[in-house]
Amino acid sequence: MIRVGFLYSRLRVEEKLLLKELESRPNIEVVRINDGKQYFDISQLPTEVDVLLERSISHSRGLYVSRLFEAHGVPVVNPSAVAEKCGDKYITSQILESVGIPTPRVFMAFDSKAALDATDAMGYPCVLKPVVGSWGRLLAKVDSHDMAEAMIEHKASLGVNHKVFYVQEYINKPGRDIRAFVIGGEVIGAIYRSSENWITNTARGGVATNCPLTPDLEKICEDTAKVMGGGLLAVDLFEREGGFTVNEVNHTMEFRNSIETTGVNIPARMVDYVVEEAKRECAKKRIARDNWKLRIAARTQPQIPHRQS
């Protein structure tokens, strides 16, 4: 029996589909863990599981609880190191930039005056984003110096998290972007997200249609998934002259509008991956136990004395 921990904040469509798939499998016991309904003693493993599937809505909750399970030897999908890379847009951009994967230019600033200088230097339009966030919330397309000044003043008043100014190059996409799903390094499908609005997230009204996989699209997504640490990832890309550019990478991806669109049973493929991770962990533990037993047996075997000639 494999015990799968299921960490969640609330049960959205995606979480319900994943739970339904997990609970339909033989020899799998699902342990539900709500990240807001209990406290966690960091000296103790919260519950005995073979693997933890992290589906928290909150980036910080998911990150900290993942680290807690990892500290007690439980593998997490996706690992906290992957969540850290994907959950902070600066870290994502820096990694992609450092390995040469095409991604929009980014300027960082930590002071309102410096942020305004950054938007002027980037040129208009440009995009202001929070470094942590999802669903296209608190994004702003900035069209002028005056608009930038007003937006920066507003962001500075919101608190500590909004005093990190992430200024991104605006990509004039053709009314759509692409979300590609990568599981264990394999691109299993992709969708176009189309909208008359410059923000194309399906959570904000974008319409999903199937995006054919091409060698170029698969290559950039595979390279991106590898450098981010692999696992269960969604890569968001723009089309531009000369090829694709990676905008963001999501480690707790939404997929409700993509199953029928791509024709791929995405939750089943995700659960396959989680189960394989659990089996690998169980095999490692079994080998460790067997080695321990062999060492104990070797210590307790009676020693035959040497004969004197």
C-alpha atoms as a PDB file:
ATOM      1  CA  MET A   1       0.000   0.000   0.000  1.00  0.00           C
ATOM      2  CA  ILE A   2       1.344   3.408  -0.991  1.00  0.00           C
ATOM      3  CA  ARG A   3       0.395   6.345   1.233  1.00  0.00           C
ATOM      4  CA  VAL A   4       0.135   9.624  -0.683  1.00  0.00           C
ATOM      5  CA  GLY A   5      -0.105  12.857   1.290  1.00  0.00           C
ATOM      6  CA  PHE A   6      -2.279  15.454  -0.472  1.00  0.00           C
ATOM      7  CA  LEU A   7      -1.521  19.009   0.668  1.00  0.00           C
ATOM      8  CA  TYR A   8      -4.149  21.578  -0.271  1.00  0.00           C
ATOM      9  CA  SER A   9      -5.662  24.906   0.731  1.00  0.00           C
ATOM     10  CA  ARG A  10      -9.115  24.400  -0.789  1.00  0.00           C
ATOM     11  CA  LEU A  11     -10.530  21.867  -3.192  1.00  0.00           C
ATOM     12  CA  ARG A  12     -10.730  23.526  -6.586  1.00  0.00           C
ATOM     13  CA  VAL A  13     -11.675  21.583  -9.726  1.00  0.00           C
ATOM     14  CA  GLU A  14      -8.050  20.496 -10.204  1.00  0.00           C
ATOM     15  CA  GLU A  15      -7.698  19.141  -6.671  1.00  0.00           C
ATOM     16  CA  LYS A  16     -11.005  17.241  -6.956  1.00  0.00           C
ATOM     17  CA  LEU A  17      -9.874  15.664 -10.240  1.00  0.00           C
ATOM     18  CA  LEU A  18      -6.529  14.655  -8.741  1.00  0.00           C
ATOM     19  CA  LEU A  19      -8.175  13.180  -5.633  1.00  0.00           C
ATOM     20  CA  LYS A  20     -10.673  11.275  -7.767  1.00  0.00           C
ATOM     21  CA  GLU A  21      -7.822   9.821  -9.820  1.00  0.00           C
ATOM     22  CA  LEU A  22      -5.726   8.954  -6.763  1.00  0.00           C
ATOM     23  CA  GLU A  23      -8.625   7.326  -4.924  1.00  0.00           C
ATOM     24  CA  SER A  24      -9.550   5.246  -7.982  1.00  0.00           C
ATOM     25  CA  ARG A  25      -6.143   3.538  -7.988  1.00  0.00           C
ATOM     26  CA  PRO A  26      -5.707   0.199  -6.207  1.00  0.00           C
ATOM     27  CA  ASN A  27      -3.203   0.005  -3.355  1.00  0.00           C
ATOM     28  CA  ILE A  28      -3.129   3.771  -2.789  1.00  0.00           C
ATOM     29  CA  GLU A  29      -4.205   5.408   0.453  1.00  0.00           C
ATOM     30  CA  VAL A  30      -4.708   9.183   0.283  1.00  0.00           C
ATOM     31  CA  VAL A  31      -4.008  11.283   3.366  1.00  0.00           C
ATOM     32  CA  ARG A  32      -5.558  14.748   3.010  1.00  0.00           C
ATOM     33  CA  ILE A  33      -3.657  17.601   4.674  1.00  0.00           C
ATOM     34  CA  ASN A  34      -5.269  21.043   4.745  1.00  0.00           C
ATOM     35  CA  ASP A  35      -2.508  23.636   5.094  1.00  0.00           C
ATOM     36  CA  GLY A  36      -4.714  26.056   7.052  1.00  0.00           C
ATOM     37  CA  LYS A  37      -6.561  23.736   9.423  1.00  0.00           C
ATOM     38  CA  GLN A  38      -3.712  22.522  11.622  1.00  0.00           C
ATOM     39  CA  TYR A  39      -0.406  23.564  13.132  1.00  0.00           C
ATOM     40  CA  PHE A  40       2.847  21.813  12.336  1.00  0.00           C
ATOM     41  CA  ASP A  41       5.479  20.779  14.902  1.00  0.00           C
ATOM     42  CA  ILE A  42       8.699  21.086  12.887  1.00  0.00           C
ATOM     43  CA  SER A  43      10.402  18.423  15.024  1.00  0.00           C
ATOM     44  CA  GLN A  44       7.826  15.836  13.963  1.00  0.00           C
ATOM     45  CA  LEU A  45       6.663  14.365  10.664  1.00  0.00           C
ATOM     46  CA  PRO A  46       3.000  15.481  10.469  1.00  0.00           C
ATOM     47  CA  THR A  47       1.862  12.075   9.171  1.00  0.00           C
ATOM     48  CA  GLU A  48       3.488   8.962   7.783  1.00  0.00           C
ATOM     49  CA  VAL A  49       3.326   9.067   3.985  1.00  0.00           C
ATOM     50  CA  ASP A  50       5.515   7.770   1.163  1.00  0.00           C
ATOM     51  CA  VAL A  51       5.219  10.937  -0.928  1.00  0.00           C
ATOM     52  CA  LEU A  52       3.573  14.355  -0.608  1.00  0.00           C
ATOM     53  CA  LEU A  53       1.695  15.949  -3.521  1.00  0.00           C
ATOM     54  CA  GLU A  54       1.797  19.710  -2.924  1.00  0.00           C
ATOM     55  CA  ARG A  55      -1.282  21.593  -4.195  1.00  0.00           C
ATOM     56  CA  SER A  56      -1.383  24.620  -1.879  1.00  0.00           C
ATOM     57  CA  ILE A  57      -2.808  27.825  -3.302  1.00  0.00           C
ATOM     58  CA  SER A  58      -0.484  29.784  -1.029  1.00  0.00           C
ATOM     59  CA  HIS A  59       3.116  29.775  -2.266  1.00  0.00           C
ATOM     60  CA  SER A  60       4.531  30.305   1.234  1.00  0.00           C
ATOM     61  CA  ARG A  61       2.393  27.602   2.863  1.00  0.00           C
ATOM     62  CA  GLY A  62       3.249  25.072   0.203  1.00  0.00           C
ATOM     63  CA  LEU A  63       6.936  25.915   0.408  1.00  0.00           C
ATOM     64  CA  TYR A  64       7.224  25.653   4.191  1.00  0.00           C
ATOM     65  CA  VAL A  65       5.169  22.472   4.569  1.00  0.00           C
ATOM     66  CA  SER A  66       7.112  20.865   1.710  1.00  0.00           C
ATOM     67  CA  ARG A  67      10.375  21.683   3.473  1.00  0.00           C
ATOM     68  CA  LEU A  68       9.019  20.168   6.680  1.00  0.00           C
ATOM     69  CA  PHE A  69       8.204  16.849   4.994  1.00  0.00           C
ATOM     70  CA  GLU A  70      11.531  16.860   3.130  1.00  0.00           C
ATOM     71  CA  ALA A  71      13.387  17.466   6.400  1.00  0.00           C
ATOM     72  CA  HIS A  72      11.892  14.189   7.659  1.00  0.00           C
ATOM     73  CA  GLY A  73      12.874  12.262   4.542  1.00  0.00           C
ATOM     74  CA  VAL A  74       9.612  12.366   2.581  1.00  0.00           C
ATOM     75  CA  PRO A  75       9.867  13.268  -1.131  1.00  0.00           C
ATOM     76  CA  VAL A  76       7.567  16.046  -2.336  1.00  0.00           C
ATOM     77  CA  VAL A  77       6.067  16.602  -5.784  1.00  0.00           C
ATOM     78  CA  ASN A  78       7.110  19.177  -6.676  1.00  0.00           C
ATOM     79  CA  PRO A  79      10.168  19.541  -4.405  1.00  0.00           C
ATOM     80  CA  SER A  80      10.545  22.762  -2.430  1.00  0.00           C
ATOM     81  CA  ALA A  81      13.593  23.697  -4.535  1.00  0.00           C
ATOM     82  CA  VAL A  82      11.406  23.620  -7.667  1.00  0.00           C
ATOM     83  CA  ALA A  83       8.636  25.583  -5.951  1.00  0.00           C
ATOM     84  CA  GLU A  84      11.145  28.225  -4.879  1.00  0.00           C
ATOM     85  CA  LYS A  85      12.449  28.618  -8.440  1.00  0.00           C
ATOM     86  CA  CYS A  86       8.998  28.767 -10.022  1.00  0.00           C
ATOM     87  CA  GLY A  87       7.166  30.710  -7.329  1.00  0.00           C
ATOM     88  CA  ASP A  88       9.380  33.792  -7.476  1.00  0.00           C
ATOM     89  CA  LYS A  89       9.359  35.507 -10.879  1.00  0.00           C
ATOM     90  CA  TYR A  90      12.779  37.067 -10.314  1.00  0.00           C
ATOM     91  CA  ILE A  91      14.351  33.654  -9.611  1.00  0.00           C
ATOM     92  CA  THR A  92      12.639  32.144 -12.667  1.00  0.00           C
ATOM     93  CA  SER A  93      13.819  34.962 -14.917  1.00  0.00           C
ATOM     94  CA  GLN A  94      17.360  34.849 -13.537  1.00  0.00           C
ATOM     95  CA  ILE A  95      17.660  31.091 -14.106  1.00  0.00           C
ATOM     96  CA  LEU A  96      16.310  31.284 -17.666  1.00  0.00           C
ATOM     97  CA  GLU A  97      18.574  34.239 -18.457  1.00  0.00           C
ATOM     98  CA  SER A  98      21.655  32.537 -17.019  1.00  0.00           C
ATOM     99  CA  VAL A  99      21.313  29.435 -19.222  1.00  0.00           C
ATOM    100  CA  GLY A 100      20.318  31.278 -22.380  1.00  0.00           C
ATOM    101  CA  ILE A 101      16.665  30.229 -22.633  1.00  0.00           C
ATOM    102  CA  PRO A 102      14.786  33.089 -24.349  1.00  0.00           C
ATOM    103  CA  THR A 103      12.781  35.132 -21.842  1.00  0.00           C
ATOM    104  CA  PRO A 104      11.613  38.757 -21.698  1.00  0.00           C
ATOM    105  CA  ARG A 105      14.091  41.335 -20.357  1.00  0.00           C
ATOM    106  CA  VAL A 106      13.669  42.209 -16.697  1.00  0.00           C
ATOM    107  CA  PHE A 107      14.841  45.167 -14.612  1.00  0.00           C
ATOM    108  CA  MET A 108      14.733  45.035 -10.803  1.00  0.00           C
ATOM    109  CA  ALA A 109      14.458  47.968  -8.427  1.00  0.00           C
ATOM    110  CA  PHE A 110      13.795  48.449  -4.715  1.00  0.00           C
ATOM    111  CA  ASP A 111      13.062  52.152  -4.520  1.00  0.00           C
ATOM    112  CA  SER A 112      10.278  54.140  -6.176  1.00  0.00           C
ATOM    113  CA  LYS A 113      12.637  56.532  -7.958  1.00  0.00           C
ATOM    114  CA  ALA A 114      14.817  53.668  -9.193  1.00  0.00           C
ATOM    115  CA  ALA A 115      11.692  51.798 -10.357  1.00  0.00           C
ATOM    116  CA  LEU A 116      10.565  54.815 -12.370  1.00  0.00           C
ATOM    117  CA  ASP A 117      14.039  55.062 -13.908  1.00  0.00           C
ATOM    118  CA  ALA A 118      13.754  51.347 -14.773  1.00  0.00           C
ATOM    119  CA  THR A 119      10.420  51.741 -16.592  1.00  0.00           C
ATOM    120  CA  ASP A 120      11.835  54.715 -18.519  1.00  0.00           C
ATOM    121  CA  ALA A 121      14.894  52.665 -19.461  1.00  0.00           C
ATOM    122  CA  MET A 122      12.799  49.644 -20.464  1.00  0.00           C
ATOM    123  CA  GLY A 123      10.557  51.792 -22.655  1.00  0.00           C
ATOM    124  CA  TYR A 124       6.790  51.907 -22.956  1.00  0.00           C
ATOM    125  CA  PRO A 125       4.706  49.859 -22.886  1.00  0.00           C
ATOM    126  CA  CYS A 126       6.272  47.672 -20.217  1.00  0.00           C
ATOM    127  CA  VAL A 127       4.853  45.412 -17.509  1.00  0.00           C
ATOM    128  CA  LEU A 128       4.946  45.758 -13.718  1.00  0.00           C
ATOM    129  CA  LYS A 129       4.491  42.498 -11.822  1.00  0.00           C
ATOM    130  CA  PRO A 130       4.651  41.300  -8.221  1.00  0.00           C
ATOM    131  CA  VAL A 131       7.483  38.798  -7.845  1.00  0.00           C
ATOM    132  CA  VAL A 132       5.099  36.320  -6.196  1.00  0.00           C
ATOM    133  CA  GLY A 133       1.572  35.796  -7.463  1.00  0.00           C
ATOM    134  CA  SER A 134      -0.608  33.986  -9.969  1.00  0.00           C
ATOM    135  CA  TRP A 135      -3.767  34.218 -12.093  1.00  0.00           C
ATOM    136  CA  GLY A 136      -2.585  37.465 -13.641  1.00  0.00           C
ATOM    137  CA  ARG A 137      -3.365  39.414 -10.446  1.00  0.00           C
ATOM    138  CA  LEU A 138      -1.787  42.816  -9.832  1.00  0.00           C
ATOM    139  CA  LEU A 139      -0.155  42.883 -13.257  1.00  0.00           C
ATOM    140  CA  ALA A 140      -0.071  46.277 -14.936  1.00  0.00           C
ATOM    141  CA  LYS A 141       0.705  47.188 -18.512  1.00  0.00           C
ATOM    142  CA  VAL A 142       2.306  50.605 -18.225  1.00  0.00           C
ATOM    143  CA  ASP A 143       1.971  52.839 -21.271  1.00  0.00           C
ATOM    144  CA  SER A 144       3.690  56.065 -20.199  1.00  0.00           C
ATOM    145  CA  HIS A 145       5.988  57.748 -17.681  1.00  0.00           C
ATOM    146  CA  ASP A 146       3.009  59.342 -15.906  1.00  0.00           C
ATOM    147  CA  MET A 147       1.184  56.029 -15.660  1.00  0.00           C
ATOM    148  CA  ALA A 148       4.344  54.343 -14.357  1.00  0.00           C
ATOM    149  CA  GLU A 149       4.721  57.012 -11.675  1.00  0.00           C
ATOM    150  CA  ALA A 150       1.134  56.472 -10.481  1.00  0.00           C
ATOM    151  CA  MET A 151       1.414  52.664 -10.514  1.00  0.00           C
ATOM    152  CA  ILE A 152       4.744  52.663  -8.666  1.00  0.00           C
ATOM    153  CA  GLU A 153       3.398  55.001  -6.001  1.00  0.00           C
ATOM    154  CA  HIS A 154       0.384  52.715  -5.572  1.00  0.00           C
ATOM    155  CA  LYS A 155       2.541  49.562  -5.350  1.00  0.00           C
ATOM    156  CA  ALA A 156       4.885  51.171  -2.837  1.00  0.00           C
ATOM    157  CA  SER A 157       1.912  51.837  -0.554  1.00  0.00           C
ATOM    158  CA  LEU A 158       0.760  48.193  -0.575  1.00  0.00           C
ATOM    159  CA  GLY A 159       3.456  46.801   1.712  1.00  0.00           C
ATOM    160  CA  VAL A 160       6.765  44.985   1.844  1.00  0.00           C
ATOM    161  CA  ASN A 161       6.088  42.431  -0.911  1.00  0.00           C
ATOM    162  CA  HIS A 162       5.262  45.187  -3.386  1.00  0.00           C
ATOM    163  CA  LYS A 163       8.442  47.173  -2.755  1.00  0.00           C
ATOM    164  CA  VAL A 164      10.327  44.772  -4.987  1.00  0.00           C
ATOM    165  CA  PHE A 165       9.735  46.268  -8.423  1.00  0.00           C
ATOM    166  CA  TYR A 166       9.884  43.724 -11.243  1.00  0.00           C
ATOM    167  CA  VAL A 167       9.782  45.545 -14.577  1.00  0.00           C
ATOM    168  CA  GLN A 168       9.364  43.244 -17.577  1.00  0.00           C
ATOM    169  CA  GLU A 169       9.633  43.845 -21.285  1.00  0.00           C
ATOM    170  CA  TYR A 170       6.207  43.923 -22.948  1.00  0.00           C
ATOM    171  CA  ILE A 171       5.838  41.273 -25.659  1.00  0.00           C
ATOM    172  CA  ASN A 172       3.336  42.190 -28.356  1.00  0.00           C
ATOM    173  CA  LYS A 173       1.795  38.731 -28.598  1.00  0.00           C
ATOM    174  CA  PRO A 174      -0.792  37.866 -31.298  1.00  0.00           C
ATOM    175  CA  GLY A 175      -3.790  37.913 -28.965  1.00  0.00           C
ATOM    176  CA  ARG A 176      -2.698  34.685 -27.315  1.00  0.00           C
ATOM    177  CA  ASP A 177       0.018  32.883 -25.424  1.00  0.00           C
ATOM    178  CA  ILE A 178       0.839  29.194 -24.946  1.00  0.00           C
ATOM    179  CA  ARG A 179       0.723  26.972 -21.897  1.00  0.00           C
ATOM    180  CA  ALA A 180       2.572  23.665 -22.259  1.00  0.00           C
ATOM    181  CA  PHE A 181       2.323  20.824 -19.739  1.00  0.00           C
ATOM    182  CA  VAL A 182       5.554  18.991 -18.897  1.00  0.00           C
ATOM    183  CA  ILE A 183       5.527  15.859 -16.744  1.00  0.00           C
ATOM    184  CA  GLY A 184       8.773  14.163 -15.837  1.00  0.00           C
ATOM    185  CA  GLY A 185      10.542  16.042 -18.622  1.00  0.00           C
ATOM    186  CA  GLU A 186       7.996  15.038 -21.302  1.00  0.00           C
ATOM    187  CA  VAL A 187       5.747  17.617 -22.979  1.00  0.00           C
ATOM    188  CA  ILE A 188       2.325  15.926 -22.920  1.00  0.00           C
ATOM    189  CA  GLY A 189       0.253  18.710 -24.498  1.00  0.00           C
ATOM    190  CA  ALA A 190      -0.221  22.443 -24.907  1.00  0.00           C
ATOM    191  CA  ILE A 191      -2.977  25.010 -25.291  1.00  0.00           C
ATOM    192  CA  TYR A 192      -3.329  28.454 -26.772  1.00  0.00           C
ATOM    193  CA  ARG A 193      -4.895  30.946 -24.357  1.00  0.00           C
ATOM    194  CA  SER A 194      -6.607  33.640 -26.389  1.00  0.00           C
ATOM    195  CA  SER A 195      -8.187  36.894 -25.258  1.00  0.00           C
ATOM    196  CA  GLU A 196      -8.897  40.410 -26.451  1.00  0.00           C
ATOM    197  CA  ASN A 197      -7.344  41.505 -23.160  1.00  0.00           C
ATOM    198  CA  TRP A 198      -3.532  41.608 -22.946  1.00  0.00           C
ATOM    199  CA  ILE A 199      -3.787  39.195 -19.984  1.00  0.00           C
ATOM    200  CA  THR A 200      -4.699  35.804 -21.441  1.00  0.00           C
ATOM    201  CA  ASN A 201      -4.938  33.593 -18.316  1.00  0.00           C
ATOM    202  CA  THR A 202      -7.962  31.296 -18.507  1.00  0.00           C
ATOM    203  CA  ALA A 203      -8.657  32.317 -14.875  1.00  0.00           C
ATOM    204  CA  ARG A 204      -9.221  35.819 -16.290  1.00  0.00           C
ATOM    205  CA  GLY A 205     -11.442  34.774 -19.188  1.00  0.00           C
ATOM    206  CA  GLY A 206      -8.912  33.538 -21.742  1.00  0.00           C
ATOM    207  CA  VAL A 207     -10.256  30.895 -24.140  1.00  0.00           C
ATOM    208  CA  ALA A 208      -8.343  27.609 -24.433  1.00  0.00           C
ATOM    209  CA  THR A 209      -7.765  25.862 -27.762  1.00  0.00           C
ATOM    210  CA  ASN A 210      -5.384  23.067 -28.643  1.00  0.00           C
ATOM    211  CA  CYS A 211      -1.827  24.039 -29.567  1.00  0.00           C
ATOM    212  CA  PRO A 212      -0.030  21.504 -31.779  1.00  0.00           C
ATOM    213  CA  LEU A 213       3.297  20.314 -30.425  1.00  0.00           C
ATOM    214  CA  THR A 214       6.268  21.081 -32.658  1.00  0.00           C
ATOM    215  CA  PRO A 215       9.922  20.089 -32.207  1.00  0.00           C
ATOM    216  CA  ASP A 216      10.866  23.715 -31.373  1.00  0.00           C
ATOM    217  CA  LEU A 217       8.091  24.038 -28.791  1.00  0.00           C
ATOM    218  CA  GLU A 218       8.929  20.702 -27.186  1.00  0.00           C
ATOM    219  CA  LYS A 219      12.643  21.520 -27.069  1.00  0.00           C
ATOM    220  CA  ILE A 220      12.296  24.852 -25.279  1.00  0.00           C
ATOM    221  CA  CYS A 221       9.795  23.387 -22.810  1.00  0.00           C
ATOM    222  CA  GLU A 222      11.980  20.361 -22.081  1.00  0.00           C
ATOM    223  CA  ASP A 223      15.025  22.589 -21.585  1.00  0.00           C
ATOM    224  CA  THR A 224      13.035  24.882 -19.301  1.00  0.00           C
ATOM    225  CA  ALA A 225      11.645  22.023 -17.208  1.00  0.00           C
ATOM    226  CA  LYS A 226      15.118  20.531 -16.819  1.00  0.00           C
ATOM    227  CA  VAL A 227      16.747  23.748 -15.599  1.00  0.00           C
ATOM    228  CA  MET A 228      13.851  24.397 -13.186  1.00  0.00           C
ATOM    229  CA  GLY A 229      14.212  20.953 -11.618  1.00  0.00           C
ATOM    230  CA  GLY A 230      11.571  18.877 -13.418  1.00  0.00           C
ATOM    231  CA  GLY A 231       8.433  17.300 -11.996  1.00  0.00           C
ATOM    232  CA  LEU A 232       4.918  18.509 -12.801  1.00  0.00           C
ATOM    233  CA  LEU A 233       5.257  21.860 -14.561  1.00  0.00           C
ATOM    234  CA  ALA A 234       3.359  24.206 -16.851  1.00  0.00           C
ATOM    235  CA  VAL A 235       5.488  26.452 -19.051  1.00  0.00           C
ATOM    236  CA  ASP A 236       3.923  29.711 -20.262  1.00  0.00           C
ATOM    237  CA  LEU A 237       5.376  31.040 -23.513  1.00  0.00           C
ATOM    238  CA  PHE A 238       4.971  33.873 -25.990  1.00  0.00           C
ATOM    239  CA  GLU A 239       5.341  33.603 -29.735  1.00  0.00           C
ATOM    240  CA  ARG A 240       7.603  36.203 -31.230  1.00  0.00           C
ATOM    241  CA  GLU A 241       9.570  36.663 -34.405  1.00  0.00           C
ATOM    242  CA  GLY A 242      12.427  34.183 -34.333  1.00  0.00           C
ATOM    243  CA  GLY A 243      10.820  31.662 -31.992  1.00  0.00           C
ATOM    244  CA  PHE A 244       9.337  31.199 -28.543  1.00  0.00           C
ATOM    245  CA  THR A 245      10.174  33.044 -25.345  1.00  0.00           C
ATOM    246  CA  VAL A 246       9.375  31.697 -21.868  1.00  0.00           C
ATOM    247  CA  ASN A 247       7.339  34.008 -19.667  1.00  0.00           C
ATOM    248  CA  GLU A 248       6.751  31.980 -16.483  1.00  0.00           C
ATOM    249  CA  VAL A 249       6.857  28.432 -15.116  1.00  0.00           C
ATOM    250  CA  ASN A 250       4.112  27.116 -12.803  1.00  0.00           C
ATOM    251  CA  HIS A 251       4.726  24.387 -10.227  1.00  0.00           C
ATOM    252  CA  THR A 252       1.099  23.915  -9.046  1.00  0.00           C
ATOM    253  CA  MET A 253      -0.467  24.153 -12.472  1.00  0.00           C
ATOM    254  CA  GLU A 254      -4.141  24.524 -13.254  1.00  0.00           C
ATOM    255  CA  PHE A 255      -5.455  22.310 -16.022  1.00  0.00           C
ATOM    256  CA  ARG A 256      -9.259  22.180 -15.839  1.00  0.00           C
ATOM    257  CA  ASN A 257      -9.669  23.817 -19.266  1.00  0.00           C
ATOM    258  CA  SER A 258      -6.935  21.769 -20.898  1.00  0.00           C
ATOM    259  CA  ILE A 259      -8.022  18.130 -20.532  1.00  0.00           C
ATOM    260  CA  GLU A 260     -10.711  18.133 -23.218  1.00  0.00           C
ATOM    261  CA  THR A 261      -8.821  20.749 -25.242  1.00  0.00           C
ATOM    262  CA  THR A 262      -5.648  18.663 -25.557  1.00  0.00           C
ATOM    263  CA  GLY A 263      -7.297  15.245 -25.422  1.00  0.00           C
ATOM    264  CA  VAL A 264      -4.843  14.276 -22.666  1.00  0.00           C
ATOM    265  CA  ASN A 265      -5.963  12.939 -19.288  1.00  0.00           C
ATOM    266  CA  ILE A 266      -3.705  15.362 -17.425  1.00  0.00           C
ATOM    267  CA  PRO A 267      -4.648  14.353 -13.843  1.00  0.00           C
ATOM    268  CA  ALA A 268      -4.035  10.682 -14.692  1.00  0.00           C
ATOM    269  CA  ARG A 269      -0.589  11.507 -16.088  1.00  0.00           C
ATOM    270  CA  MET A 270       0.186  13.578 -12.985  1.00  0.00           C
ATOM    271  CA  VAL A 271      -0.873  10.767 -10.652  1.00  0.00           C
ATOM    272  CA  ASP A 272       1.213   8.261 -12.662  1.00  0.00           C
ATOM    273  CA  TYR A 273       4.254  10.432 -11.972  1.00  0.00           C
ATOM    274  CA  VAL A 274       3.472  10.804  -8.251  1.00  0.00           C
ATOM    275  CA  VAL A 275       2.977   7.051  -7.859  1.00  0.00           C
ATOM    276  CA  GLU A 276       6.296   6.323  -9.586  1.00  0.00           C
ATOM    277  CA  GLU A 277       8.043   8.766  -7.223  1.00  0.00           C
ATOM    278  CA  ALA A 278       6.463   6.967  -4.260  1.00  0.00           C
ATOM    279  CA  LYS A 279       7.532   3.565  -5.606  1.00  0.00           C
ATOM    280  CA  ARG A 280      11.098   4.794  -6.038  1.00  0.00           C
ATOM    281  CA  GLU A 281      11.121   6.047  -2.460  1.00  0.00           C
ATOM    282  CA  CYS A 282       9.695   2.764  -1.149  1.00  0.00           C
ATOM    283  CA  ALA A 283      12.349   0.834  -3.098  1.00  0.00           C
ATOM    284  CA  LYS A 284      15.113   3.010  -1.597  1.00  0.00           C
ATOM    285  CA  LYS A 285      13.773   2.418   1.909  1.00  0.00           C
ATOM    286  CA  ARG A 286      13.547  -1.322   1.259  1.00  0.00           C
ATOM    287  CA  ILE A 287      17.169  -1.446   0.052  1.00  0.00           C
ATOM    288  CA  ALA A 288      18.279   0.580   3.091  1.00  0.00           C
ATOM    289  CA  ARG A 289      16.426  -1.829   5.431  1.00  0.00           C
ATOM    290  CA  ASP A 290      17.954  -4.873   3.711  1.00  0.00           C
ATOM    291  CA  ASN A 291      21.452  -3.394   3.949  1.00  0.00           C
ATOM    292  CA  TRP A 292      20.887  -2.608   7.619  1.00  0.00           C
ATOM    293  CA  LYS A 293      19.785  -6.210   8.268  1.00  0.00           C
ATOM    294  CA  LEU A 294      22.875  -7.529   6.471  1.00  0.00           C
ATOM    295  CA  ARG A 295      25.144  -5.327   8.586  1.00  0.00           C
ATOM    296  CA  ILE A 296      23.467  -6.478  11.793  1.00  0.00           C
ATOM    297  CA  ALA A 297      23.707 -10.104  10.716  1.00  0.00           C
ATOM    298  CA  ALA A 298      27.414  -9.700   9.934  1.00  0.00           C
ATOM    299  CA  ARG A 299      28.063  -8.245  13.394  1.00  0.00           C
ATOM    300  CA  THR A 300      26.197 -11.019  15.226  1.00  0.00           C
ATOM    301  CA  GLN A 301      27.656 -14.007  13.317  1.00  0.00           C
ATOM    302  CA  PRO A 302      29.848 -16.174  15.572  1.00  0.00           C
ATOM    303  CA  GLN A 303      33.530 -15.781  14.809  1.00  0.00           C
ATOM    304  CA  ILE A 304      35.417 -19.029  14.101  1.00  0.00           C
ATOM    305  CA  PRO A 305      38.796 -18.951  15.905  1.00  0.00           C
ATOM    306  CA  HIS A 306      41.932 -19.565  13.833  1.00  0.00           C
ATOM    307  CA  ARG A 307      43.735 -22.835  14.512  1.00  0.00           C
ATOM    308  CA  GLN A 308      47.250 -22.627  15.800  1.00  0.00           C
ATOM    309  CA  SER A 309      49.671 -24.609  13.629  1.00  0.00           C
END
